Protein backbone atom coordinates (compact mmCIF):
# COMPACT_ATOMS: atom_id res chain seq x y z
CA MET A 1 0.00 0.00 0.00
CA LYS A 2 2.88 2.37 0.86
CA LYS A 3 4.51 1.63 -2.49
CA LEU A 4 1.27 2.42 -4.32
CA ALA A 5 0.96 5.73 -2.46
CA ALA A 6 4.54 6.65 -3.36
CA VAL A 7 3.88 5.88 -7.05
CA LEU A 8 0.71 8.00 -7.04
CA ILE A 9 2.55 10.93 -5.47
CA ALA A 10 5.32 10.66 -8.07
CA LEU A 11 2.80 10.56 -10.91
CA ALA A 12 0.99 13.58 -9.52
CA ALA A 13 4.27 15.52 -9.57
CA LEU A 14 4.99 14.77 -13.24
CA PRO A 15 2.89 17.63 -14.68
CA LEU A 16 4.81 20.10 -12.50
CA LEU A 17 8.17 18.68 -13.53
CA ALA A 18 7.16 18.90 -17.16
CA GLN A 19 6.59 22.64 -16.79
CA ALA A 20 10.10 23.38 -15.46
CA ILE A 21 12.06 25.72 -17.74
CA ALA A 22 15.85 26.05 -17.53
CA PHE A 23 17.31 29.28 -18.88
CA ARG A 24 20.65 29.71 -20.61
CA ILE A 25 23.50 31.26 -18.61
CA VAL A 26 26.69 32.78 -20.04
CA ASN A 27 29.78 34.10 -18.27
CA VAL A 28 30.85 37.58 -19.36
CA ASN A 29 33.46 40.23 -18.75
CA ALA A 30 32.93 43.77 -17.52
CA PRO A 31 32.96 46.29 -19.06
CA SER A 32 32.63 44.32 -22.33
CA VAL A 33 29.04 43.25 -21.54
CA ASN A 34 28.05 46.92 -21.12
CA TYR A 35 28.32 47.41 -24.89
CA VAL A 36 25.17 45.30 -25.20
CA PHE A 37 23.40 48.14 -23.36
CA ASN A 38 25.27 51.28 -24.38
CA HIS A 39 27.52 52.15 -27.35
CA THR A 40 30.12 53.74 -25.03
CA GLY A 41 30.37 50.71 -22.75
CA SER A 42 29.36 52.90 -19.81
CA VAL A 43 26.11 52.67 -17.85
CA THR A 44 24.64 54.72 -15.01
CA VAL A 45 23.21 52.48 -12.31
CA THR A 46 20.88 52.71 -9.33
CA ASP A 47 21.64 50.29 -6.49
CA LYS A 48 19.59 48.94 -3.60
CA THR A 49 20.76 46.71 -0.74
CA SER A 50 18.79 44.58 1.71
CA PRO A 51 20.28 42.76 4.72
CA VAL A 52 20.67 38.99 4.91
CA LEU A 53 22.30 36.89 7.65
CA GLY A 54 22.91 39.96 9.78
CA SER A 55 25.72 42.00 8.22
CA GLY A 56 25.42 40.43 4.76
CA PHE A 57 23.25 41.87 2.02
CA VAL A 58 21.60 41.27 -1.32
CA GLN A 59 22.39 44.00 -3.84
CA SER A 60 20.03 44.70 -6.71
CA ARG A 61 20.99 47.07 -9.52
CA ILE A 62 18.98 48.64 -12.31
CA TYR A 63 19.72 50.72 -15.39
CA ARG A 64 18.15 51.29 -18.77
CA SER A 65 19.77 50.39 -22.05
CA GLU A 66 20.01 52.76 -25.00
CA ALA A 67 17.16 52.63 -27.48
CA THR A 68 19.66 51.94 -30.29
CA SER A 69 21.60 49.25 -28.37
CA PRO A 70 21.10 45.49 -28.88
CA ALA A 71 18.92 45.61 -25.75
CA HIS A 72 16.65 48.23 -27.44
CA GLY A 73 15.94 50.49 -24.46
CA LYS A 74 14.91 47.68 -22.14
CA TYR A 75 15.68 47.55 -18.42
CA VAL A 76 18.69 45.70 -17.02
CA TYR A 77 18.45 44.01 -13.61
CA GLU A 78 21.53 42.73 -11.79
CA TYR A 79 21.83 40.96 -8.43
CA ARG A 80 24.64 40.02 -6.03
CA VAL A 81 24.76 38.30 -2.64
CA ASP A 82 27.53 39.63 -0.38
CA LEU A 83 28.55 37.82 2.84
CA THR A 84 31.95 39.55 3.06
CA ASN A 85 31.29 40.92 6.55
CA VAL A 86 29.32 37.93 7.89
CA ALA A 87 31.32 35.94 10.44
CA GLY A 88 30.50 32.31 11.26
CA ILE A 89 31.31 32.24 14.98
CA THR A 90 30.53 28.59 15.76
CA ALA A 91 29.87 27.36 12.18
CA PRO A 92 29.98 28.88 8.68
CA GLN A 93 26.85 30.64 7.48
CA TRP A 94 25.91 30.42 3.82
CA VAL A 95 23.50 31.25 0.99
CA SER A 96 22.69 28.65 -1.67
CA GLY A 97 19.99 30.24 -3.83
CA MET A 98 17.54 33.07 -4.40
CA SER A 99 14.03 33.37 -5.87
CA VAL A 100 12.67 36.51 -7.55
CA ASP A 101 9.28 37.18 -9.18
CA PHE A 102 10.82 38.38 -12.44
CA GLY A 103 8.38 37.56 -15.22
CA GLY A 104 9.53 37.18 -18.81
CA MET A 105 13.08 38.03 -19.86
CA SER A 106 14.87 38.93 -23.08
CA THR A 107 17.25 36.68 -25.02
CA LEU A 108 20.40 38.53 -26.06
CA ASP A 109 24.00 38.04 -27.17
CA TYR A 110 25.57 38.86 -23.81
CA ASN A 111 28.98 37.34 -24.59
CA ARG A 112 29.02 39.03 -28.02
CA ASP A 113 29.81 35.89 -29.98
CA GLY A 114 27.29 36.63 -32.73
CA HIS A 115 24.51 34.43 -31.33
CA ALA A 116 21.63 36.00 -29.38
CA ALA A 117 20.97 32.88 -27.34
CA GLU A 118 21.31 33.72 -23.65
CA GLU A 119 18.81 34.83 -21.03
CA VAL A 120 21.13 35.29 -18.02
CA PHE A 121 24.66 36.73 -17.80
CA VAL A 122 27.18 36.35 -14.97
CA VAL A 123 30.04 38.87 -14.65
CA THR A 124 32.87 36.46 -13.79
CA SER A 125 35.72 38.84 -14.65
CA GLY A 126 36.19 42.57 -14.28
CA GLY A 127 33.85 42.77 -11.30
CA LEU A 128 33.23 41.58 -7.75
CA GLY A 129 32.64 38.08 -6.43
CA VAL A 130 33.82 34.47 -6.51
CA VAL A 131 30.64 32.34 -6.85
CA GLY A 132 28.58 32.00 -10.03
CA LEU A 133 25.34 30.32 -11.07
CA ASN A 134 24.80 26.74 -12.21
CA ALA A 135 21.06 26.94 -12.91
CA VAL A 136 18.24 29.44 -13.42
CA THR A 137 14.84 27.75 -13.52
CA LEU A 138 11.15 28.49 -13.54
CA VAL A 139 8.55 25.95 -12.45
CA ALA A 140 4.90 26.69 -13.26
CA ALA A 141 3.85 30.03 -11.71
CA ASN A 142 6.60 30.05 -9.06
CA PRO A 143 9.22 32.83 -8.87
CA LEU A 144 12.37 32.56 -10.96
CA HIS A 145 14.98 30.55 -9.03
CA PHE A 146 18.73 31.24 -9.10
CA ASN A 147 20.87 28.35 -7.87
CA PHE A 148 24.48 29.21 -7.09
CA SER A 149 27.32 27.00 -8.35
CA ARG A 150 28.19 26.37 -4.71
CA ARG A 151 27.30 27.86 -1.35
CA ILE A 152 28.42 31.44 -0.68
CA PHE A 153 30.12 31.26 2.73
CA SER A 154 30.71 33.65 5.60
CA GLY A 155 34.26 34.14 6.87
CA ALA A 156 36.08 33.32 10.08
CA SER A 157 35.96 37.05 10.87
CA PRO A 158 34.33 40.15 9.32
CA GLY A 159 35.84 41.02 5.95
CA ARG A 160 36.77 37.43 5.10
CA GLY A 161 33.45 36.15 3.76
CA GLU A 162 32.48 35.58 0.12
CA SER A 163 30.31 37.27 -2.49
CA SER A 164 28.55 36.02 -5.56
CA TYR A 165 29.36 37.54 -8.92
CA PHE A 166 26.87 40.03 -10.30
CA PHE A 167 24.32 38.20 -12.44
CA GLY A 168 21.80 39.90 -14.67
CA LEU A 169 18.74 39.72 -16.88
CA VAL A 170 16.84 42.12 -19.14
CA SER A 171 13.12 42.94 -19.10
CA GLN A 172 10.87 45.24 -21.09
CA TYR A 173 9.20 46.34 -17.85
CA PRO A 174 10.36 49.19 -15.57
CA PRO A 175 11.40 48.46 -11.97
CA ARG A 176 9.45 48.13 -8.79
CA VAL A 177 10.56 47.00 -5.32
CA ILE A 178 9.41 43.53 -4.27
CA HIS A 179 10.21 40.84 -1.73
CA ALA A 180 12.58 38.07 -2.85
CA ARG A 181 13.49 34.89 -0.98
CA VAL A 182 17.03 33.84 -0.13
CA GLU A 183 17.92 30.29 0.94
CA THR A 184 20.38 30.45 3.84
CA SER A 185 21.90 28.31 6.57
CA SER A 186 19.32 29.89 8.90
CA GLY A 187 16.36 29.08 6.66
CA VAL A 188 14.60 31.15 4.00
CA GLN A 189 14.97 34.90 4.50
CA THR A 190 13.02 37.69 2.79
CA VAL A 191 14.87 40.58 1.18
CA SER A 192 13.82 43.70 -0.72
CA VAL A 193 15.01 43.97 -4.35
CA TYR A 194 14.33 45.67 -7.66
CA ALA A 195 12.40 43.54 -10.14
CA PRO A 196 10.27 44.18 -13.24
CA SER A 197 6.72 45.48 -12.78
CA HIS A 198 5.41 42.80 -15.12
CA PRO A 199 1.67 42.00 -15.38
């Protein structure tokens, strides 16, 4: 009977699994990626931070691309998790993922290889951070989920913790401030970030 129940539960989950979408991620260099958004390679940003795990924070960044750029005047959203000043006194603290209600995103040639085939870019050189992404997924009507390539850890003392790289996406919709969810060693925490004001 228990086996039958387990099979039924698994079958019930199949429709949800079938709806999972994995988005394409590409590693990029800064400031090279900025030329996708502005012909000068320079952008003017607005930043917002929200605390996580005490003295850590999630940084969200917004700017608008030029109308004549490959991004056609759309809005750029970047995120970063910073645990540099978080100290694990008895055990390391960490962040493993983040979920944001983002809506639809644009597909662009972020690494400028001649193929507009990526939805998410990660600034792995020319910027801050040491931890990237290994998956960006959407399941049914749930928020967009960013899974880091490994856990972002606190340090033995303030100033010795880690940060993720900046990672970004593009939307046609202007920004609003929403609550996002961050998966941490202390459970899921809510943070305030910029995200598209999609329908």
